[in-house]
């Protein structure tokens, strides 16, 4: 019997490594987008707009309890694909934390077919409703 990690374990470990690049210490989040051939299409982590100061360096820009300077990991992964013209239709997202409502909407709209996550973090009931309504599977990986 093989000691190889499952694809889910493998990608989630990489996602956790990606999260170590986060520059907003309010949440170290990583995201991988993976195609049907088990190839990584994109990665993203929480951080400021490219070329702008990071929360780690200057502190947070807070509004309504959220750091508004930070682009979430899922959005960063999607934006790289948008910038480079890479399709994510049918891809699977691996995320260290359950996606927030806005990230959930973006993942659905981009054509992500399944979401794996590790940490329950502010799970929004409407995000869950949208995932279910749109037939997007989601699963917590322990």
Foldseek 3Di string as FASTA:
>chain_A
DDPDDDLLVVVLVVQQVQLVPAQAVVDSKKKFWAAPVRDTPFIFTKFADPPDDTCNVVNFDDDPRDRPRIDHTLVRRVVVCVVVVHQSAAIEMEMQEDDDQVSLVVCVVSHHQEYEYAYYDPDDPVSVVVCVVSNRYYYHDD
